[in-house]
């Protein structure tokens, strides 16, 4: 098993990336959350495009996977330029997020695709990953939106909902080239626990069985299988034993996973800072929700929107 790097809008140095076999996950939502803007904001194209271009140039001969923005409703509401302000959800973990939001508001999703189009055309090593899929129609939708714009990049999907692994052959038949198991969400949904809180649960027999199932199915289709999440070394050993191709390691977790190997990590606390910034933005938004409702260019959603 080899290692790839997961980035949450960190600007890394060459001292770090040379230890990895490419970037297995660029989390689009953190690029937006760091900038404080939604994909429909006038500046979003430049922000997303500039970041992707810099990363792709670091790894011209290695895969770089961009995951489309994975935002909960409260997170999206607080970003400048968001075009649909929606009611808060009772359970955002299974709410209107990932590809579900993309399909509900396809024009907004199109703005994100348009932002990365020049990078897809300029960098053959750049692929895309669809988040939070549960049905093959969702993958078909994203592939169609890309083809409509004249591009067909390397295509991957997150397997973080149990249905995605149980029906994995149906997704692979659509031309999925990379399956990335998101351990945080998958463990929470399988075991009924809060996502990402107990790393030991990643090694639960049910999780091992699901990963093994995904390994068998991806092997039959000669598709890459990766795992990501806030994982630890015992889980890495289990994943290697199962035969997973790549472990995608978060930049913010490198010091914990490899003690002493990375003494100086620029922007080591970037992820924490973005999360704190998002919390402040959500609190500010909620405090001013009534006054923000009539802002020009925004639409207030309803429960049926």
C-alpha atoms as a PDB file:
ATOM      1  CA  UNK A   1       0.000   0.000   0.000  1.00  0.00           C
ATOM      2  CA  UNK A   2       1.241   3.442  -0.939  1.00  0.00           C
ATOM      3  CA  UNK A   3       0.515   6.856   0.525  1.00  0.00           C
ATOM      4  CA  UNK A   4      -1.142   9.859  -1.079  1.00  0.00           C
ATOM      5  CA  UNK A   5      -1.725  13.252   0.468  1.00  0.00           C
ATOM      6  CA  UNK A   6      -5.074  14.850   1.279  1.00  0.00           C
ATOM      7  CA  UNK A   7      -5.178  18.639   1.321  1.00  0.00           C
ATOM      8  CA  UNK A   8      -7.689  21.008   2.893  1.00  0.00           C
ATOM      9  CA  UNK A   9      -6.487  24.183   1.155  1.00  0.00           C
ATOM     10  CA  UNK A  10      -2.962  24.028   2.618  1.00  0.00           C
ATOM     11  CA  UNK A  11      -0.175  25.652   0.622  1.00  0.00           C
ATOM     12  CA  UNK A  12       2.484  22.986   1.044  1.00  0.00           C
ATOM     13  CA  UNK A  13       6.201  22.948   0.272  1.00  0.00           C
ATOM     14  CA  UNK A  14       8.171  20.482  -1.810  1.00  0.00           C
ATOM     15  CA  UNK A  15       9.714  19.123   1.389  1.00  0.00           C
ATOM     16  CA  UNK A  16       6.397  17.432   2.094  1.00  0.00           C
ATOM     17  CA  UNK A  17       4.884  16.327  -1.204  1.00  0.00           C
ATOM     18  CA  UNK A  18       7.937  14.388  -2.401  1.00  0.00           C
ATOM     19  CA  UNK A  19       7.185  11.718   0.224  1.00  0.00           C
ATOM     20  CA  UNK A  20       3.831  10.852  -1.399  1.00  0.00           C
ATOM     21  CA  UNK A  21       2.482   9.231  -4.563  1.00  0.00           C
ATOM     22  CA  UNK A  22       0.315  12.124  -5.615  1.00  0.00           C
ATOM     23  CA  UNK A  23      -2.655  13.885  -4.084  1.00  0.00           C
ATOM     24  CA  UNK A  24      -5.510  11.520  -3.423  1.00  0.00           C
ATOM     25  CA  UNK A  25      -7.939  14.163  -2.196  1.00  0.00           C
ATOM     26  CA  UNK A  26      -8.207  17.922  -2.594  1.00  0.00           C
ATOM     27  CA  UNK A  27     -11.269  18.906  -0.584  1.00  0.00           C
ATOM     28  CA  UNK A  28     -13.071  21.569  -2.572  1.00  0.00           C
ATOM     29  CA  UNK A  29     -15.150  22.759   0.355  1.00  0.00           C
ATOM     30  CA  UNK A  30     -12.077  23.788   2.320  1.00  0.00           C
ATOM     31  CA  UNK A  31     -10.782  25.885  -0.565  1.00  0.00           C
ATOM     32  CA  UNK A  32     -14.102  27.750  -0.443  1.00  0.00           C
ATOM     33  CA  UNK A  33     -14.344  27.875   3.350  1.00  0.00           C
ATOM     34  CA  UNK A  34     -10.821  29.272   3.642  1.00  0.00           C
ATOM     35  CA  UNK A  35     -11.749  32.047   1.211  1.00  0.00           C
ATOM     36  CA  UNK A  36     -15.167  32.501   2.856  1.00  0.00           C
ATOM     37  CA  UNK A  37     -17.014  32.275  -0.465  1.00  0.00           C
ATOM     38  CA  UNK A  38     -19.373  29.904  -2.266  1.00  0.00           C
ATOM     39  CA  UNK A  39     -18.782  28.546  -5.760  1.00  0.00           C
ATOM     40  CA  UNK A  40     -21.239  31.080  -7.218  1.00  0.00           C
ATOM     41  CA  UNK A  41     -19.268  34.044  -5.843  1.00  0.00           C
ATOM     42  CA  UNK A  42     -17.558  36.134  -8.568  1.00  0.00           C
ATOM     43  CA  UNK A  43     -14.122  35.396  -7.093  1.00  0.00           C
ATOM     44  CA  UNK A  44     -14.622  31.642  -6.723  1.00  0.00           C
ATOM     45  CA  UNK A  45     -13.333  30.711 -10.148  1.00  0.00           C
ATOM     46  CA  UNK A  46     -10.030  32.402  -9.569  1.00  0.00           C
ATOM     47  CA  UNK A  47      -9.628  30.949  -6.078  1.00  0.00           C
ATOM     48  CA  UNK A  48     -10.385  27.346  -7.078  1.00  0.00           C
ATOM     49  CA  UNK A  49      -8.507  27.508 -10.361  1.00  0.00           C
ATOM     50  CA  UNK A  50      -5.426  29.084  -8.826  1.00  0.00           C
ATOM     51  CA  UNK A  51      -5.176  26.450  -6.101  1.00  0.00           C
ATOM     52  CA  UNK A  52      -5.666  23.497  -8.438  1.00  0.00           C
ATOM     53  CA  UNK A  53      -3.152  24.830 -10.920  1.00  0.00           C
ATOM     54  CA  UNK A  54      -0.463  25.164  -8.230  1.00  0.00           C
ATOM     55  CA  UNK A  55      -1.043  21.652  -6.909  1.00  0.00           C
ATOM     56  CA  UNK A  56      -1.152  20.005 -10.345  1.00  0.00           C
ATOM     57  CA  UNK A  57       2.192  21.565 -11.231  1.00  0.00           C
ATOM     58  CA  UNK A  58       3.771  19.927  -8.176  1.00  0.00           C
ATOM     59  CA  UNK A  59       2.814  16.480  -9.465  1.00  0.00           C
ATOM     60  CA  UNK A  60       2.848  16.599 -13.281  1.00  0.00           C
ATOM     61  CA  UNK A  61       3.342  12.829 -13.522  1.00  0.00           C
ATOM     62  CA  UNK A  62       1.210  11.738 -10.541  1.00  0.00           C
ATOM     63  CA  UNK A  63      -2.573  11.655 -10.020  1.00  0.00           C
ATOM     64  CA  UNK A  64      -4.279  14.647  -8.444  1.00  0.00           C
ATOM     65  CA  UNK A  65      -7.897  14.126  -7.374  1.00  0.00           C
ATOM     66  CA  UNK A  66     -10.186  17.115  -6.764  1.00  0.00           C
ATOM     67  CA  UNK A  67     -13.325  16.360  -4.775  1.00  0.00           C
ATOM     68  CA  UNK A  68     -16.281  18.583  -5.533  1.00  0.00           C
ATOM     69  CA  UNK A  69     -17.331  20.726  -2.591  1.00  0.00           C
ATOM     70  CA  UNK A  70     -18.924  18.780   0.265  1.00  0.00           C
ATOM     71  CA  UNK A  71     -20.806  21.355   2.329  1.00  0.00           C
ATOM     72  CA  UNK A  72     -23.513  20.988   4.920  1.00  0.00           C
ATOM     73  CA  UNK A  73     -26.393  23.457   4.650  1.00  0.00           C
ATOM     74  CA  UNK A  74     -25.246  25.576   7.612  1.00  0.00           C
ATOM     75  CA  UNK A  75     -21.731  25.819   6.152  1.00  0.00           C
ATOM     76  CA  UNK A  76     -22.982  26.838   2.719  1.00  0.00           C
ATOM     77  CA  UNK A  77     -25.454  29.383   4.140  1.00  0.00           C
ATOM     78  CA  UNK A  78     -22.622  31.298   5.823  1.00  0.00           C
ATOM     79  CA  UNK A  79     -20.460  31.670   2.706  1.00  0.00           C
ATOM     80  CA  UNK A  80     -20.502  34.908   0.726  1.00  0.00           C
ATOM     81  CA  UNK A  81     -22.156  34.578  -2.675  1.00  0.00           C
ATOM     82  CA  UNK A  82     -24.235  31.496  -1.857  1.00  0.00           C
ATOM     83  CA  UNK A  83     -27.253  31.529  -4.151  1.00  0.00           C
ATOM     84  CA  UNK A  84     -29.625  29.434  -2.028  1.00  0.00           C
ATOM     85  CA  UNK A  85     -30.058  30.056   1.700  1.00  0.00           C
ATOM     86  CA  UNK A  86     -31.811  27.038   3.179  1.00  0.00           C
ATOM     87  CA  UNK A  87     -33.379  26.164   6.526  1.00  0.00           C
ATOM     88  CA  UNK A  88     -31.104  24.459   9.015  1.00  0.00           C
ATOM     89  CA  UNK A  89     -31.320  20.678   8.953  1.00  0.00           C
ATOM     90  CA  UNK A  90     -32.182  18.446  11.897  1.00  0.00           C
ATOM     91  CA  UNK A  91     -29.501  15.944  10.869  1.00  0.00           C
ATOM     92  CA  UNK A  92     -26.947  17.546   8.524  1.00  0.00           C
ATOM     93  CA  UNK A  93     -24.840  14.363   8.351  1.00  0.00           C
ATOM     94  CA  UNK A  94     -27.470  12.811   6.066  1.00  0.00           C
ATOM     95  CA  UNK A  95     -28.821  16.079   4.700  1.00  0.00           C
ATOM     96  CA  UNK A  96     -28.545  18.032   1.461  1.00  0.00           C
ATOM     97  CA  UNK A  97     -24.805  17.682   0.969  1.00  0.00           C
ATOM     98  CA  UNK A  98     -22.349  16.477  -1.644  1.00  0.00           C
ATOM     99  CA  UNK A  99     -23.850  15.285  -4.903  1.00  0.00           C
ATOM    100  CA  UNK A 100     -27.365  15.707  -3.492  1.00  0.00           C
ATOM    101  CA  UNK A 101     -26.973  19.468  -3.404  1.00  0.00           C
ATOM    102  CA  UNK A 102     -25.289  19.396  -6.829  1.00  0.00           C
ATOM    103  CA  UNK A 103     -28.311  17.681  -8.349  1.00  0.00           C
ATOM    104  CA  UNK A 104     -30.811  19.919  -6.559  1.00  0.00           C
ATOM    105  CA  UNK A 105     -29.044  23.080  -7.749  1.00  0.00           C
ATOM    106  CA  UNK A 106     -27.366  22.034 -10.974  1.00  0.00           C
ATOM    107  CA  UNK A 107     -26.674  25.633 -12.083  1.00  0.00           C
ATOM    108  CA  UNK A 108     -24.701  26.248  -8.899  1.00  0.00           C
ATOM    109  CA  UNK A 109     -22.825  22.995  -9.397  1.00  0.00           C
ATOM    110  CA  UNK A 110     -22.128  24.072 -12.953  1.00  0.00           C
ATOM    111  CA  UNK A 111     -20.321  27.117 -11.610  1.00  0.00           C
ATOM    112  CA  UNK A 112     -17.926  24.838  -9.729  1.00  0.00           C
ATOM    113  CA  UNK A 113     -17.339  22.706 -12.816  1.00  0.00           C
ATOM    114  CA  UNK A 114     -16.693  25.829 -14.888  1.00  0.00           C
ATOM    115  CA  UNK A 115     -14.134  26.949 -12.312  1.00  0.00           C
ATOM    116  CA  UNK A 116     -12.035  23.818 -12.778  1.00  0.00           C
ATOM    117  CA  UNK A 117     -12.503  23.418 -16.556  1.00  0.00           C
ATOM    118  CA  UNK A 118      -9.268  25.212 -17.543  1.00  0.00           C
ATOM    119  CA  UNK A 119      -7.320  23.027 -15.100  1.00  0.00           C
ATOM    120  CA  UNK A 120      -8.909  19.854 -16.463  1.00  0.00           C
ATOM    121  CA  UNK A 121      -7.842  20.893 -19.955  1.00  0.00           C
ATOM    122  CA  UNK A 122      -4.349  21.979 -18.934  1.00  0.00           C
ATOM    123  CA  UNK A 123      -3.479  19.093 -16.582  1.00  0.00           C
ATOM    124  CA  UNK A 124      -4.042  15.528 -17.743  1.00  0.00           C
ATOM    125  CA  UNK A 125      -3.186  14.270 -14.248  1.00  0.00           C
ATOM    126  CA  UNK A 126      -6.213  16.001 -12.691  1.00  0.00           C
ATOM    127  CA  UNK A 127      -9.266  13.876 -11.901  1.00  0.00           C
ATOM    128  CA  UNK A 128     -12.531  14.559 -10.084  1.00  0.00           C
ATOM    129  CA  UNK A 129     -14.232  12.778  -7.194  1.00  0.00           C
ATOM    130  CA  UNK A 130     -17.966  12.899  -6.471  1.00  0.00           C
ATOM    131  CA  UNK A 131     -18.870  13.090  -2.764  1.00  0.00           C
ATOM    132  CA  UNK A 132     -21.576  11.322  -0.775  1.00  0.00           C
ATOM    133  CA  UNK A 133     -23.035   9.162  -3.542  1.00  0.00           C
ATOM    134  CA  UNK A 134     -25.565   6.438  -2.856  1.00  0.00           C
ATOM    135  CA  UNK A 135     -27.051   5.715  -6.277  1.00  0.00           C
ATOM    136  CA  UNK A 136     -25.536   5.256  -9.763  1.00  0.00           C
ATOM    137  CA  UNK A 137     -27.820   7.966 -11.165  1.00  0.00           C
ATOM    138  CA  UNK A 138     -25.799  10.497  -9.169  1.00  0.00           C
ATOM    139  CA  UNK A 139     -22.565   9.451 -10.853  1.00  0.00           C
ATOM    140  CA  UNK A 140     -24.291   9.470 -14.234  1.00  0.00           C
ATOM    141  CA  UNK A 141     -25.487  13.033 -13.566  1.00  0.00           C
ATOM    142  CA  UNK A 142     -21.986  14.375 -12.844  1.00  0.00           C
ATOM    143  CA  UNK A 143     -20.438  12.567 -15.809  1.00  0.00           C
ATOM    144  CA  UNK A 144     -23.136  14.051 -18.064  1.00  0.00           C
ATOM    145  CA  UNK A 145     -22.475  17.572 -16.748  1.00  0.00           C
ATOM    146  CA  UNK A 146     -18.776  17.166 -17.516  1.00  0.00           C
ATOM    147  CA  UNK A 147     -19.395  15.740 -20.985  1.00  0.00           C
ATOM    148  CA  UNK A 148     -21.780  18.601 -21.720  1.00  0.00           C
ATOM    149  CA  UNK A 149     -18.785  20.896 -21.270  1.00  0.00           C
ATOM    150  CA  UNK A 150     -16.587  18.787 -23.491  1.00  0.00           C
ATOM    151  CA  UNK A 151     -14.395  17.113 -20.858  1.00  0.00           C
ATOM    152  CA  UNK A 152     -14.079  13.550 -19.612  1.00  0.00           C
ATOM    153  CA  UNK A 153     -11.425  13.584 -16.862  1.00  0.00           C
ATOM    154  CA  UNK A 154     -10.356  10.662 -14.682  1.00  0.00           C
ATOM    155  CA  UNK A 155     -13.441   9.987 -12.606  1.00  0.00           C
ATOM    156  CA  UNK A 156     -13.703   8.855  -8.999  1.00  0.00           C
ATOM    157  CA  UNK A 157     -16.336   8.502  -6.311  1.00  0.00           C
ATOM    158  CA  UNK A 158     -16.500   8.502  -2.545  1.00  0.00           C
ATOM    159  CA  UNK A 159     -17.725   5.282  -0.940  1.00  0.00           C
ATOM    160  CA  UNK A 160     -18.913   6.566   2.412  1.00  0.00           C
ATOM    161  CA  UNK A 161     -22.538   5.424   2.315  1.00  0.00           C
ATOM    162  CA  UNK A 162     -22.962   1.649   2.762  1.00  0.00           C
ATOM    163  CA  UNK A 163     -25.186   1.451  -0.332  1.00  0.00           C
ATOM    164  CA  UNK A 164     -22.280   2.655  -2.466  1.00  0.00           C
ATOM    165  CA  UNK A 165     -20.193  -0.373  -1.499  1.00  0.00           C
ATOM    166  CA  UNK A 166     -23.071  -2.853  -1.579  1.00  0.00           C
ATOM    167  CA  UNK A 167     -23.923  -1.778  -5.147  1.00  0.00           C
ATOM    168  CA  UNK A 168     -20.393  -0.908  -6.214  1.00  0.00           C
ATOM    169  CA  UNK A 169     -20.516  -2.907  -9.465  1.00  0.00           C
ATOM    170  CA  UNK A 170     -23.300  -0.645 -10.731  1.00  0.00           C
ATOM    171  CA  UNK A 171     -21.053   2.396 -10.249  1.00  0.00           C
ATOM    172  CA  UNK A 172     -18.000   0.732 -11.755  1.00  0.00           C
ATOM    173  CA  UNK A 173     -19.967  -0.126 -14.896  1.00  0.00           C
ATOM    174  CA  UNK A 174     -20.360   3.627 -15.443  1.00  0.00           C
ATOM    175  CA  UNK A 175     -16.612   4.093 -15.792  1.00  0.00           C
ATOM    176  CA  UNK A 176     -15.551   4.983 -12.255  1.00  0.00           C
ATOM    177  CA  UNK A 177     -11.747   4.716 -12.137  1.00  0.00           C
ATOM    178  CA  UNK A 178     -11.073   5.410  -8.466  1.00  0.00           C
ATOM    179  CA  UNK A 179     -13.070   4.465  -5.360  1.00  0.00           C
ATOM    180  CA  UNK A 180     -12.165   6.381  -2.216  1.00  0.00           C
ATOM    181  CA  UNK A 181     -13.642   5.004   0.994  1.00  0.00           C
ATOM    182  CA  UNK A 182     -14.358   7.833   3.434  1.00  0.00           C
ATOM    183  CA  UNK A 183     -13.863   6.126   6.784  1.00  0.00           C
ATOM    184  CA  UNK A 184     -15.319   8.929   8.912  1.00  0.00           C
ATOM    185  CA  UNK A 185     -18.790   8.896   7.387  1.00  0.00           C
ATOM    186  CA  UNK A 186     -18.848   5.198   6.530  1.00  0.00           C
ATOM    187  CA  UNK A 187     -18.021   4.147  10.094  1.00  0.00           C
ATOM    188  CA  UNK A 188     -20.605   6.506  11.535  1.00  0.00           C
ATOM    189  CA  UNK A 189     -23.347   5.303   9.196  1.00  0.00           C
ATOM    190  CA  UNK A 190     -22.510   1.606   9.610  1.00  0.00           C
ATOM    191  CA  UNK A 191     -22.041   1.546  13.383  1.00  0.00           C
ATOM    192  CA  UNK A 192     -24.445   4.320  14.350  1.00  0.00           C
ATOM    193  CA  UNK A 193     -21.810   6.455  16.079  1.00  0.00           C
ATOM    194  CA  UNK A 194     -20.615  10.031  15.760  1.00  0.00           C
ATOM    195  CA  UNK A 195     -18.389  10.300  12.707  1.00  0.00           C
ATOM    196  CA  UNK A 196     -14.650  10.249  13.184  1.00  0.00           C
ATOM    197  CA  UNK A 197     -14.615  10.273  16.982  1.00  0.00           C
ATOM    198  CA  UNK A 198     -13.289   6.775  17.701  1.00  0.00           C
ATOM    199  CA  UNK A 199     -10.508   5.663  15.357  1.00  0.00           C
ATOM    200  CA  UNK A 200     -10.510   2.179  16.850  1.00  0.00           C
ATOM    201  CA  UNK A 201     -13.971   1.676  15.356  1.00  0.00           C
ATOM    202  CA  UNK A 202     -12.415   1.912  11.904  1.00  0.00           C
ATOM    203  CA  UNK A 203     -11.108  -1.607  12.599  1.00  0.00           C
ATOM    204  CA  UNK A 204     -14.490  -3.018  13.588  1.00  0.00           C
ATOM    205  CA  UNK A 205     -15.176  -6.398  11.878  1.00  0.00           C
ATOM    206  CA  UNK A 206     -18.066  -4.843   9.936  1.00  0.00           C
ATOM    207  CA  UNK A 207     -15.743  -2.177   8.555  1.00  0.00           C
ATOM    208  CA  UNK A 208     -13.136  -4.750   7.594  1.00  0.00           C
ATOM    209  CA  UNK A 209     -15.805  -6.744   5.786  1.00  0.00           C
ATOM    210  CA  UNK A 210     -17.016  -3.726   3.808  1.00  0.00           C
ATOM    211  CA  UNK A 211     -13.501  -2.691   2.820  1.00  0.00           C
ATOM    212  CA  UNK A 212     -12.746  -6.257   1.770  1.00  0.00           C
ATOM    213  CA  UNK A 213     -15.932  -6.299  -0.286  1.00  0.00           C
ATOM    214  CA  UNK A 214     -14.894  -3.077  -2.013  1.00  0.00           C
ATOM    215  CA  UNK A 215     -11.437  -4.539  -2.632  1.00  0.00           C
ATOM    216  CA  UNK A 216     -12.878  -7.614  -4.342  1.00  0.00           C
ATOM    217  CA  UNK A 217     -15.217  -5.586  -6.532  1.00  0.00           C
ATOM    218  CA  UNK A 218     -12.638  -2.997  -7.585  1.00  0.00           C
ATOM    219  CA  UNK A 219     -10.140  -5.773  -8.347  1.00  0.00           C
ATOM    220  CA  UNK A 220     -12.605  -7.376 -10.750  1.00  0.00           C
ATOM    221  CA  UNK A 221     -12.837  -4.066 -12.648  1.00  0.00           C
ATOM    222  CA  UNK A 222      -9.139  -3.160 -12.256  1.00  0.00           C
ATOM    223  CA  UNK A 223     -10.095   0.011 -10.399  1.00  0.00           C
ATOM    224  CA  UNK A 224      -7.994   1.812  -7.767  1.00  0.00           C
ATOM    225  CA  UNK A 225      -9.193   1.519  -4.171  1.00  0.00           C
ATOM    226  CA  UNK A 226      -8.146   4.089  -1.567  1.00  0.00           C
ATOM    227  CA  UNK A 227      -9.082   4.886   2.012  1.00  0.00           C
ATOM    228  CA  UNK A 228      -9.174   8.288   3.701  1.00  0.00           C
ATOM    229  CA  UNK A 229     -10.243   9.841   6.975  1.00  0.00           C
ATOM    230  CA  UNK A 230      -8.683  10.696  10.317  1.00  0.00           C
ATOM    231  CA  UNK A 231      -6.958   7.330  10.411  1.00  0.00           C
ATOM    232  CA  UNK A 232      -4.161   5.920  12.556  1.00  0.00           C
ATOM    233  CA  UNK A 233      -1.317   3.442  12.103  1.00  0.00           C
ATOM    234  CA  UNK A 234      -3.227   0.335  13.331  1.00  0.00           C
ATOM    235  CA  UNK A 235      -5.875   1.018  10.688  1.00  0.00           C
ATOM    236  CA  UNK A 236      -3.182   1.504   8.042  1.00  0.00           C
ATOM    237  CA  UNK A 237      -1.876  -1.968   8.833  1.00  0.00           C
ATOM    238  CA  UNK A 238      -5.366  -3.418   8.438  1.00  0.00           C
ATOM    239  CA  UNK A 239      -5.919  -1.612   5.131  1.00  0.00           C
ATOM    240  CA  UNK A 240      -2.585  -2.867   3.811  1.00  0.00           C
ATOM    241  CA  UNK A 241      -3.488  -6.409   4.839  1.00  0.00           C
ATOM    242  CA  UNK A 242      -6.777  -6.180   2.922  1.00  0.00           C
ATOM    243  CA  UNK A 243      -4.928  -4.989  -0.183  1.00  0.00           C
ATOM    244  CA  UNK A 244      -6.012  -1.350  -0.419  1.00  0.00           C
ATOM    245  CA  UNK A 245      -3.919   0.468  -3.037  1.00  0.00           C
ATOM    246  CA  UNK A 246      -3.574   3.884  -1.356  1.00  0.00           C
ATOM    247  CA  UNK A 247      -4.020   5.397   2.066  1.00  0.00           C
ATOM    248  CA  UNK A 248      -4.865   9.069   1.607  1.00  0.00           C
ATOM    249  CA  UNK A 249      -3.448  10.896   4.612  1.00  0.00           C
ATOM    250  CA  UNK A 250      -4.599  14.301   5.782  1.00  0.00           C
ATOM    251  CA  UNK A 251      -1.854  16.898   5.901  1.00  0.00           C
ATOM    252  CA  UNK A 252      -3.003  17.899   9.390  1.00  0.00           C
ATOM    253  CA  UNK A 253      -2.483  14.312  10.641  1.00  0.00           C
ATOM    254  CA  UNK A 254       1.046  13.710   9.341  1.00  0.00           C
ATOM    255  CA  UNK A 255       2.823  14.469  12.612  1.00  0.00           C
ATOM    256  CA  UNK A 256       0.526  12.099  14.477  1.00  0.00           C
ATOM    257  CA  UNK A 257       0.901   9.261  11.963  1.00  0.00           C
ATOM    258  CA  UNK A 258       4.654   9.730  11.427  1.00  0.00           C
ATOM    259  CA  UNK A 259       6.108  11.030  14.714  1.00  0.00           C
ATOM    260  CA  UNK A 260       9.345  12.911  14.138  1.00  0.00           C
ATOM    261  CA  UNK A 261       9.304  12.621  10.340  1.00  0.00           C
ATOM    262  CA  UNK A 262       7.858  16.053   9.580  1.00  0.00           C
ATOM    263  CA  UNK A 263       9.267  18.448  12.220  1.00  0.00           C
ATOM    264  CA  UNK A 264       8.336  21.567  10.258  1.00  0.00           C
ATOM    265  CA  UNK A 265       4.948  21.610   8.582  1.00  0.00           C
ATOM    266  CA  UNK A 266       3.895  24.990   7.182  1.00  0.00           C
ATOM    267  CA  UNK A 267       0.185  25.583   7.794  1.00  0.00           C
ATOM    268  CA  UNK A 268       0.009  22.601  10.113  1.00  0.00           C
ATOM    269  CA  UNK A 269      -2.942  24.208  11.886  1.00  0.00           C
ATOM    270  CA  UNK A 270      -4.662  25.377   8.690  1.00  0.00           C
ATOM    271  CA  UNK A 271      -7.501  22.838   8.977  1.00  0.00           C
ATOM    272  CA  UNK A 272      -8.273  23.807  12.563  1.00  0.00           C
ATOM    273  CA  UNK A 273      -8.213  27.498  11.629  1.00  0.00           C
ATOM    274  CA  UNK A 274     -10.660  26.966   8.770  1.00  0.00           C
ATOM    275  CA  UNK A 275     -13.027  25.003  11.003  1.00  0.00           C
ATOM    276  CA  UNK A 276     -12.927  27.758  13.618  1.00  0.00           C
ATOM    277  CA  UNK A 277     -13.506  30.391  10.944  1.00  0.00           C
ATOM    278  CA  UNK A 278     -16.517  28.457   9.648  1.00  0.00           C
ATOM    279  CA  UNK A 279     -17.991  28.209  13.149  1.00  0.00           C
ATOM    280  CA  UNK A 280     -17.664  31.980  13.555  1.00  0.00           C
ATOM    281  CA  UNK A 281     -19.238  32.610  10.153  1.00  0.00           C
ATOM    282  CA  UNK A 282     -22.161  30.316  10.942  1.00  0.00           C
ATOM    283  CA  UNK A 283     -22.690  32.008  14.323  1.00  0.00           C
ATOM    284  CA  UNK A 284     -22.589  35.447  12.703  1.00  0.00           C
ATOM    285  CA  UNK A 285     -24.964  34.335   9.973  1.00  0.00           C
ATOM    286  CA  UNK A 286     -27.460  32.871  12.432  1.00  0.00           C
ATOM    287  CA  UNK A 287     -27.317  36.007  14.583  1.00  0.00           C
ATOM    288  CA  UNK A 288     -28.183  38.116  11.557  1.00  0.00           C
ATOM    289  CA  UNK A 289     -30.350  35.630   9.672  1.00  0.00           C
ATOM    290  CA  UNK A 290     -33.427  37.834   9.516  1.00  0.00           C
ATOM    291  CA  UNK A 291     -31.522  40.871   8.279  1.00  0.00           C
ATOM    292  CA  UNK A 292     -29.598  38.783   5.765  1.00  0.00           C
ATOM    293  CA  UNK A 293     -32.715  37.206   4.246  1.00  0.00           C
ATOM    294  CA  UNK A 294     -33.467  39.942   1.663  1.00  0.00           C
ATOM    295  CA  UNK A 295     -29.883  40.309   0.394  1.00  0.00           C
ATOM    296  CA  UNK A 296     -29.774  40.869  -3.337  1.00  0.00           C
ATOM    297  CA  UNK A 297     -28.819  37.830  -5.327  1.00  0.00           C
ATOM    298  CA  UNK A 298     -29.882  35.328  -2.661  1.00  0.00           C
ATOM    299  CA  UNK A 299     -32.967  33.176  -2.465  1.00  0.00           C
ATOM    300  CA  UNK A 300     -34.431  31.888   0.732  1.00  0.00           C
ATOM    301  CA  UNK A 301     -35.085  28.179   0.502  1.00  0.00           C
ATOM    302  CA  UNK A 302     -37.942  26.303   2.035  1.00  0.00           C
ATOM    303  CA  UNK A 303     -38.255  22.813   3.415  1.00  0.00           C
ATOM    304  CA  UNK A 304     -39.429  21.656  -0.005  1.00  0.00           C
ATOM    305  CA  UNK A 305     -36.898  23.723  -2.008  1.00  0.00           C
END
